[in-house]
Protein backbone atom coordinates (compact mmCIF):
# COMPACT_ATOMS: atom_id res chain seq x y z
CA MET A 1 128.55 112.95 83.55
CA ILE A 2 124.75 112.69 83.88
CA PRO A 3 122.25 110.18 82.38
CA ALA A 4 121.93 110.65 78.61
CA GLU A 5 118.14 110.92 78.61
CA LEU A 6 118.38 113.74 81.15
CA GLY A 7 121.26 115.47 79.42
CA ASP A 8 119.37 115.46 76.13
CA GLN A 9 116.75 117.72 77.69
CA VAL A 10 119.05 120.73 77.37
CA TYR A 11 118.33 120.65 73.63
CA ASN A 12 114.60 121.04 74.32
CA CYS A 13 115.15 124.49 75.80
CA ILE A 14 113.87 127.05 73.27
CA ARG A 15 115.22 129.98 75.32
CA CYS A 16 111.79 131.56 75.54
CA GLY A 17 112.47 133.09 78.95
CA LEU A 18 109.21 132.01 80.64
CA CYS A 19 111.25 130.39 83.40
CA MET A 20 112.90 133.73 84.11
CA ASN A 21 109.54 135.40 84.69
CA THR A 22 108.76 133.01 87.54
CA CYS A 23 112.23 132.44 89.06
CA PRO A 24 112.45 134.16 92.49
CA VAL A 25 116.26 134.19 92.39
CA TYR A 26 116.44 135.84 88.97
CA LYS A 27 113.95 138.48 90.13
CA GLN A 28 116.45 139.44 92.81
CA LEU A 29 119.68 139.32 90.79
CA TYR A 30 118.56 140.06 87.20
CA PHE A 31 121.63 138.24 85.93
CA GLU A 32 121.38 135.73 83.07
CA GLY A 33 123.71 133.22 84.70
CA ALA A 34 121.46 133.11 87.76
CA SER A 35 118.35 132.40 85.66
CA PRO A 36 117.12 128.88 84.85
CA ARG A 37 117.61 129.54 81.13
CA GLY A 38 121.17 130.69 81.69
CA LYS A 39 122.01 127.66 83.82
CA VAL A 40 120.59 125.29 81.19
CA GLN A 41 122.76 126.86 78.48
CA LEU A 42 125.84 126.62 80.70
CA ILE A 43 125.09 122.97 81.46
CA LYS A 44 124.67 122.35 77.73
CA LYS A 45 128.14 123.78 77.04
CA VAL A 46 129.66 121.65 79.81
CA LEU A 47 128.02 118.47 78.49
CA GLU A 48 129.23 119.26 74.96
CA GLY A 49 132.78 119.73 76.26
CA LYS A 50 132.86 123.37 75.19
CA LEU A 51 133.10 124.67 78.75
CA GLU A 52 135.22 123.37 81.60
CA PRO A 53 133.35 123.37 84.95
CA SER A 54 134.77 126.10 87.15
CA ASP A 55 134.28 127.42 90.66
CA ASN A 56 132.07 130.12 89.20
CA PHE A 57 129.95 127.57 87.32
CA TYR A 58 129.54 125.50 90.49
CA ARG A 59 128.62 128.63 92.45
CA LEU A 60 125.94 129.48 89.87
CA LEU A 61 124.46 125.98 90.27
CA GLY A 62 124.14 126.82 93.96
CA THR A 63 122.20 130.02 93.29
CA CYS A 64 119.03 127.98 92.85
CA LEU A 65 116.32 127.32 95.43
CA LEU A 66 115.22 124.14 93.59
CA CYS A 67 111.68 125.42 94.04
CA GLU A 68 110.69 123.80 90.69
CA THR A 69 108.81 126.92 89.56
CA CYS A 70 110.84 126.94 86.34
CA THR A 71 110.09 123.26 85.70
CA VAL A 72 106.32 123.63 85.91
CA SER A 73 106.36 126.79 83.77
CA CYS A 74 108.59 125.37 81.00
CA PRO A 75 106.52 124.89 77.80
CA SER A 76 109.10 122.43 76.45
CA GLY A 77 108.95 120.15 79.49
CA VAL A 78 112.60 120.56 80.46
CA GLY A 79 113.22 119.08 83.90
CA LEU A 80 115.32 122.00 85.04
CA ASP A 81 115.28 121.06 88.71
CA ARG A 82 116.44 117.53 87.90
CA LEU A 83 119.23 118.91 85.73
CA MET A 84 120.43 121.15 88.57
CA LYS A 85 120.36 118.36 91.15
CA THR A 86 122.12 115.85 88.92
CA MET A 87 124.80 118.30 87.80
CA ARG A 88 125.52 119.22 91.42
CA ALA A 89 125.96 115.52 92.19
CA ALA A 90 128.19 115.01 89.14
CA LEU A 91 130.55 117.78 90.27
CA ALA A 92 130.48 117.06 94.01
CA HIS A 93 133.83 115.23 93.85
CA LYS A 94 135.49 118.12 92.02
CA PHE A 95 134.37 121.04 94.18
CA ARG A 96 134.41 120.59 97.94
CA GLN A 97 131.64 122.08 100.05
CA PRO A 98 132.54 124.52 102.87
CA TRP A 99 133.51 122.63 106.02
CA GLU A 100 130.36 123.78 107.86
CA LYS A 101 128.12 122.29 105.19
CA ARG A 102 130.16 119.07 105.04
CA ALA A 103 129.79 118.74 108.80
CA VAL A 104 125.99 119.12 108.60
CA LEU A 105 125.73 116.58 105.77
CA ARG A 106 127.85 114.11 107.71
CA LEU A 107 125.62 114.68 110.71
CA LEU A 108 122.42 113.98 108.76
CA SER A 109 123.84 110.82 107.18
CA GLY A 110 124.95 109.32 110.50
CA ARG A 111 122.48 106.92 112.11
CA HIS A 112 124.06 107.30 115.56
CA LEU A 113 125.94 110.58 115.15
CA LEU A 114 122.86 112.80 114.85
CA PRO A 115 121.16 111.54 118.06
CA PHE A 116 124.51 111.86 119.89
CA VAL A 117 125.03 115.47 118.80
CA MET A 118 121.40 116.38 119.53
CA PHE A 119 121.75 114.95 123.06
CA TRP A 120 124.73 117.17 123.81
CA GLY A 121 123.09 120.05 121.95
CA ARG A 122 120.18 119.97 124.39
CA ALA A 123 122.54 119.78 127.36
CA LEU A 124 124.67 122.73 126.24
CA GLU A 125 122.05 124.84 124.47
CA ASN A 126 121.26 127.32 127.25
CA PRO A 127 124.87 128.09 128.23
CA LEU A 128 125.93 128.41 124.58
CA ARG A 129 123.09 130.81 123.75
CA ALA A 130 124.33 133.17 126.46
CA PHE A 131 127.53 133.73 124.43
CA LEU A 132 125.77 134.51 121.15
CA PRO A 133 125.89 138.18 120.10
CA ARG A 134 122.50 139.88 120.27
CA GLU A 135 122.64 141.17 116.72
CA GLY A 136 124.04 137.99 115.20
CA LYS A 137 122.27 135.93 112.56
CA VAL A 138 122.36 132.52 110.92
CA GLY A 139 121.80 133.56 107.33
CA THR A 140 118.73 135.78 107.55
CA ILE A 141 117.50 134.48 110.91
CA PRO A 142 118.45 136.29 114.15
CA TYR A 143 119.94 134.11 116.87
CA ALA A 144 117.06 135.05 119.16
CA LYS A 145 114.57 133.50 116.72
CA LEU A 146 116.36 130.20 116.22
CA PRO A 147 114.18 127.31 117.46
CA ARG A 148 115.11 125.49 120.65
CA LEU A 149 115.69 121.76 120.70
CA SER A 150 112.92 119.66 122.21
CA SER A 151 113.57 118.37 125.73
CA LYS A 152 113.36 114.80 124.38
CA PRO A 153 113.34 113.42 120.81
CA PHE A 154 109.79 112.80 119.62
CA LEU A 155 110.63 109.19 118.67
CA SER A 156 111.53 108.43 122.30
CA LEU A 157 108.12 109.50 123.61
CA TYR A 158 105.89 106.96 121.88
CA PRO A 159 105.77 103.19 121.40
CA GLU A 160 106.27 101.76 117.94
CA ILE A 161 102.56 100.95 117.61
CA ILE A 162 99.85 103.33 118.84
CA ARG A 163 96.41 101.78 118.73
CA PRO A 164 93.22 103.85 118.96
CA VAL A 165 90.99 103.53 122.01
CA GLY A 166 87.79 103.05 119.99
CA PRO A 167 87.00 101.29 116.71
CA GLN A 168 89.87 101.25 114.25
CA THR A 169 89.29 103.14 111.00
CA GLY A 170 92.73 102.93 109.42
CA ARG A 171 96.37 101.97 109.72
CA VAL A 172 99.38 104.08 108.74
CA LEU A 173 103.16 104.19 108.92
CA TYR A 174 104.43 107.54 110.19
CA PHE A 175 107.70 108.97 108.89
CA VAL A 176 108.60 111.52 111.54
CA GLY A 177 111.55 113.42 110.05
CA CYS A 178 114.36 115.31 111.79
CA ALA A 179 112.49 118.57 112.41
CA THR A 180 109.56 116.91 114.17
CA ASN A 181 111.86 114.56 116.05
CA TYR A 182 114.24 117.18 117.43
CA ILE A 183 112.57 120.61 117.17
CA SER A 184 108.87 120.63 116.27
CA GLY A 185 107.59 117.99 118.66
CA ASN A 186 104.19 119.66 118.87
CA VAL A 187 103.60 118.87 115.20
CA GLY A 188 104.18 115.18 115.87
CA ARG A 189 101.98 115.24 118.97
CA SER A 190 99.25 116.90 116.91
CA VAL A 191 99.51 114.19 114.25
CA ILE A 192 99.19 111.43 116.86
CA SER A 193 96.33 113.22 118.63
CA VAL A 194 94.26 113.83 115.50
CA LEU A 195 94.77 110.32 114.12
CA GLY A 196 93.94 108.80 117.50
CA ARG A 197 90.64 110.69 117.69
CA LEU A 198 89.81 109.47 114.19
CA GLY A 199 90.51 105.84 115.12
CA VAL A 200 93.70 105.35 113.09
CA GLU A 201 96.40 102.93 114.22
CA VAL A 202 99.81 104.60 113.89
CA ILE A 203 103.05 102.65 113.42
CA ILE A 204 106.26 104.61 114.02
CA PRO A 205 109.23 102.47 112.90
CA LYS A 206 112.16 102.89 115.25
CA GLY A 207 115.56 103.50 113.72
CA GLN A 208 114.27 105.71 110.92
CA MET A 209 116.86 108.17 109.66
CA CYS A 210 116.91 111.61 108.08
CA CYS A 211 115.09 111.38 104.73
CA GLY A 212 118.39 112.23 103.04
CA LEU A 213 116.99 114.85 100.65
CA PRO A 214 119.09 117.74 102.05
CA ILE A 215 122.16 115.56 101.45
CA CYS A 216 121.09 114.76 97.88
CA LEU A 217 120.31 118.38 97.04
CA ALA A 218 123.84 119.32 98.08
CA GLY A 219 125.15 116.77 95.57
CA ALA A 220 126.35 114.17 98.11
CA ARG A 221 124.18 111.35 96.80
CA THR A 222 126.56 108.56 97.77
CA ALA A 223 126.46 109.69 101.39
CA ALA A 224 122.65 109.68 101.28
CA LEU A 225 122.38 106.11 100.04
CA LYS A 226 122.46 104.54 103.51
CA ASN A 227 119.63 106.86 104.61
CA ILE A 228 117.59 105.90 101.56
CA ARG A 229 118.21 102.17 101.90
CA ARG A 230 117.52 102.17 105.65
CA ASN A 231 114.21 104.03 105.33
CA ILE A 232 113.02 101.88 102.42
CA GLU A 233 113.80 98.80 104.50
CA LEU A 234 111.85 100.09 107.53
CA PHE A 235 108.83 101.47 105.70
CA ASP A 236 107.24 98.46 104.05
CA PRO A 237 103.94 99.84 102.71
CA THR A 238 102.31 96.48 102.07
CA ASN A 239 99.79 96.29 104.94
CA VAL A 240 98.98 99.94 105.60
CA ASP A 241 96.61 102.49 104.11
CA ALA A 242 99.38 105.02 103.66
CA VAL A 243 102.82 106.17 104.70
CA ILE A 244 102.12 109.60 106.17
CA VAL A 245 104.56 112.50 106.42
CA ASP A 246 104.13 115.90 108.09
CA CYS A 247 107.16 117.51 106.38
CA ALA A 248 106.96 118.62 102.75
CA THR A 249 110.64 117.89 102.13
CA CYS A 250 110.52 114.40 103.65
CA GLY A 251 107.36 113.70 101.68
CA ALA A 252 109.01 114.71 98.40
CA ALA A 253 111.99 112.50 99.25
CA LEU A 254 109.94 109.38 99.93
CA LYS A 255 107.36 109.99 97.23
CA LYS A 256 109.60 110.65 94.22
CA GLU A 257 113.22 111.52 94.97
CA TYR A 258 114.23 108.09 96.29
CA ALA A 259 113.27 106.36 93.06
CA SER A 260 114.81 109.08 90.87
CA VAL A 261 118.13 109.10 92.73
CA LEU A 262 118.44 105.31 92.74
CA GLU A 263 117.61 105.09 89.04
CA GLU A 264 120.15 107.77 88.12
CA MET A 265 122.78 105.96 90.20
CA GLY A 266 122.06 102.68 88.39
CA GLU A 267 120.48 100.94 91.41
CA ASP A 268 117.25 98.97 91.73
CA ALA A 269 114.43 101.42 92.46
CA GLU A 270 111.44 99.08 92.54
CA ALA A 271 111.07 99.12 96.34
CA ALA A 272 111.38 102.92 96.29
CA ARG A 273 108.58 103.15 93.71
CA ARG A 274 106.33 100.91 95.84
CA LEU A 275 107.00 103.12 98.85
CA GLY A 276 106.42 106.32 96.88
CA ALA A 277 103.04 105.09 95.67
CA LYS A 278 101.80 104.90 99.28
CA VAL A 279 103.23 108.20 100.58
CA LEU A 280 100.69 110.86 101.54
CA ASP A 281 101.09 114.20 103.21
CA ILE A 282 99.19 114.24 106.49
CA THR A 283 96.73 116.79 105.05
CA GLN A 284 95.98 114.45 102.14
CA TYR A 285 95.25 111.56 104.48
CA LEU A 286 93.08 113.60 106.86
CA SER A 287 91.01 114.90 103.95
CA ARG A 288 89.45 111.43 103.71
CA PHE A 289 87.71 111.74 107.08
CA ASP A 290 84.52 113.33 108.33
CA LEU A 291 86.15 115.84 110.66
CA GLU A 292 83.21 118.13 111.38
CA LYS A 293 81.84 116.05 114.24
CA HIS A 294 85.22 116.28 116.01
CA LEU A 295 85.91 120.00 115.56
CA ARG A 296 84.88 122.77 117.94
CA PRO A 297 84.80 126.47 116.95
CA MET A 298 88.04 128.44 116.96
CA GLN A 299 88.23 132.16 116.49
CA GLY A 300 90.90 133.56 114.22
CA ARG A 301 91.99 134.32 110.70
CA VAL A 302 94.38 131.94 108.93
CA THR A 303 96.35 132.15 105.71
CA TYR A 304 98.41 129.44 104.03
CA HIS A 305 101.86 129.34 102.41
CA ASP A 306 102.55 126.62 99.82
CA PRO A 307 105.85 124.81 100.46
CA CYS A 308 107.67 124.17 97.18
CA HIS A 309 108.25 120.50 98.01
CA LEU A 310 104.53 120.05 98.67
CA LEU A 311 102.94 122.13 95.91
CA ARG A 312 105.26 121.45 93.00
CA GLY A 313 107.11 118.45 94.43
CA GLN A 314 103.97 116.47 95.32
CA ARG A 315 101.13 118.39 93.63
CA VAL A 316 99.36 118.98 96.95
CA LYS A 317 97.52 122.29 96.96
CA GLU A 318 93.85 122.15 97.96
CA GLU A 319 93.93 119.58 100.78
CA PRO A 320 95.62 121.76 103.44
CA ARG A 321 93.46 124.73 102.49
CA ASN A 322 90.27 122.69 102.69
CA LEU A 323 91.21 121.34 106.12
CA LEU A 324 91.75 124.86 107.44
CA LYS A 325 88.42 125.98 105.96
CA ARG A 326 86.64 123.15 107.78
CA ILE A 327 87.52 124.50 111.23
CA PRO A 328 84.35 126.23 112.57
CA GLY A 329 84.81 129.92 113.24
CA MET A 330 88.21 130.05 111.56
CA GLU A 331 88.28 132.51 108.65
CA PHE A 332 90.55 131.44 105.80
CA VAL A 333 92.12 134.14 103.61
CA GLU A 334 94.37 133.56 100.62
CA MET A 335 97.57 135.60 100.74
CA ALA A 336 99.05 137.16 97.61
CA GLY A 337 101.70 134.91 96.06
CA ALA A 338 100.94 131.98 98.35
CA ASP A 339 102.63 129.63 95.86
CA VAL A 340 105.88 131.65 95.67
CA CYS A 341 108.95 130.29 97.49
CA CYS A 342 109.59 131.85 100.91
CA GLY A 343 113.34 132.14 100.23
CA GLY A 344 114.51 129.57 102.76
CA GLY A 345 115.54 126.70 100.52
CA GLY A 346 117.31 124.77 103.27
CA ALA A 347 120.89 126.00 103.30
CA PHE A 348 120.19 128.60 100.58
CA GLN A 349 119.29 131.33 103.08
CA MET A 350 122.63 130.78 104.82
CA GLU A 351 124.73 130.66 101.65
CA HIS A 352 122.95 133.53 99.88
CA PRO A 353 121.40 135.62 102.67
CA ASP A 354 120.98 138.81 100.64
CA VAL A 355 119.09 137.04 97.86
CA ALA A 356 117.02 135.04 100.35
CA LEU A 357 116.12 138.13 102.36
CA GLY A 358 114.77 139.91 99.29
CA ILE A 359 112.52 136.94 98.50
CA THR A 360 111.44 136.49 102.12
CA LYS A 361 110.50 140.17 102.51
CA ASN A 362 107.90 139.76 99.77
CA LYS A 363 106.44 136.75 101.58
CA ILE A 364 106.34 138.55 104.93
CA GLN A 365 104.64 141.54 103.33
CA ALA A 366 101.95 139.27 101.84
CA ILE A 367 101.36 137.60 105.23
CA VAL A 368 101.02 140.92 107.06
CA GLN A 369 98.68 142.29 104.39
CA SER A 370 96.41 139.26 104.80
CA ARG A 371 95.76 140.43 108.41
CA ALA A 372 95.87 136.79 109.50
CA SER A 373 96.51 135.73 113.08
CA PHE A 374 97.92 132.38 111.88
CA VAL A 375 100.06 131.47 108.88
CA ALA A 376 100.02 127.72 108.28
CA THR A 377 102.51 125.74 106.21
CA GLY A 378 103.57 122.10 106.05
CA CYS A 379 107.33 122.61 105.81
CA PRO A 380 109.58 123.10 108.87
CA GLY A 381 112.09 125.01 106.75
CA CYS A 382 109.39 127.43 105.62
CA ARG A 383 108.14 127.86 109.17
CA LEU A 384 111.69 128.60 110.33
CA GLN A 385 112.28 131.13 107.54
CA ILE A 386 108.94 132.89 107.98
CA HIS A 387 109.04 132.98 111.79
CA GLY A 388 112.67 134.07 111.77
CA ASN A 389 111.91 137.09 109.61
CA LEU A 390 108.41 137.93 110.84
CA VAL A 391 108.51 141.08 112.95
CA CYS A 392 104.80 141.04 113.79
CA GLU A 393 104.65 138.94 116.98
CA ARG A 394 100.87 138.58 116.95
CA ILE A 395 101.06 136.23 113.95
CA GLN A 396 101.66 132.59 114.85
CA VAL A 397 103.44 130.29 112.38
CA VAL A 398 102.00 126.77 112.57
CA HIS A 399 101.53 123.48 110.78
CA PRO A 400 97.91 122.98 109.59
CA VAL A 401 97.61 119.85 111.75
CA GLU A 402 98.41 121.88 114.87
CA LEU A 403 95.28 123.98 114.33
CA LEU A 404 93.21 120.85 113.69
CA ALA A 405 94.47 119.25 116.90
CA LYS A 406 93.67 122.41 118.84
CA ALA A 407 90.16 122.48 117.38
CA MET A 408 89.68 118.86 118.46
CA GLU A 409 90.68 119.40 122.09
């Protein structure tokens, strides 16, 4: 059902319960089956043939944010997040997803379908919004706070190669990602602006697809294969300093998930490993440069939220904080529980809105108590979840690179 070396890890679980102390979902439900320990024991019984997978078992696998908090806190080194992902994939053929989720996954795996739907989405967005009920929500997010589609896809606004005006200091491939391409265009513009001022040549391969990680996390790995293969083909890291990413989820996909998924599916993962070795979050890459001579003072107070796919998925913690601290006049303050999941988890907040809302309320409270005017985070899903549930309108939710670009104007 799953690779033997991964399945054997269930026997390393000593049932100590440390994973339960850190699991945000368990802290909301206080139910053993919703805890990482409980899920591991259920998976063990399934692998031993003592338990037949049921709808309830599959539902319990879905009550997981895949935030990897349990994995990093496990003293026995059990890869709990990998077990959850692989078991979801193993049972994907047996238990069908709701039609809405299947439609989204099909959309993300279509090279031409996604641009087509986004085109008509932009054309019909304003008239359709007029019919939405005022009090309606998508999961935990009110309709009024849903982001609007960009007037044009980011990838259509720039040539494939953007050369700096002055002396060249570096050369990178830029994986844009769906959020930047269709919704958060200002993040992409900020990336191009900052790198241009620093003298970095930016190559943006045309034809790049969704990173495929949302598809994989839902268990539909076969559908994600064409995304993975296409992006590996386009992003040859041989003659560049780095492959940069501004989205924590996309970065985790390219850096480690591609190789893991291909290996577990019995495919050659060497090209994926070469790509992963060159992948850097934009904050990691910018940390190499002397930024002070480019930055002007900005007044404000900023706090930072750690995206799960960046902190635990890629081990990136200090770089974004240090960049924010380098902006003259900007006061950096650490919020309480900055490394705790915000509760978004992609589709999790739509499938389990009550659980997500309880987790998100804690995050919002920590942000408000920090008295920050900006909360920065490198994940579009986190920005959506935080902004969508943040009542205090004076607090702006931004990507760290947006503040850097503003300080460089």
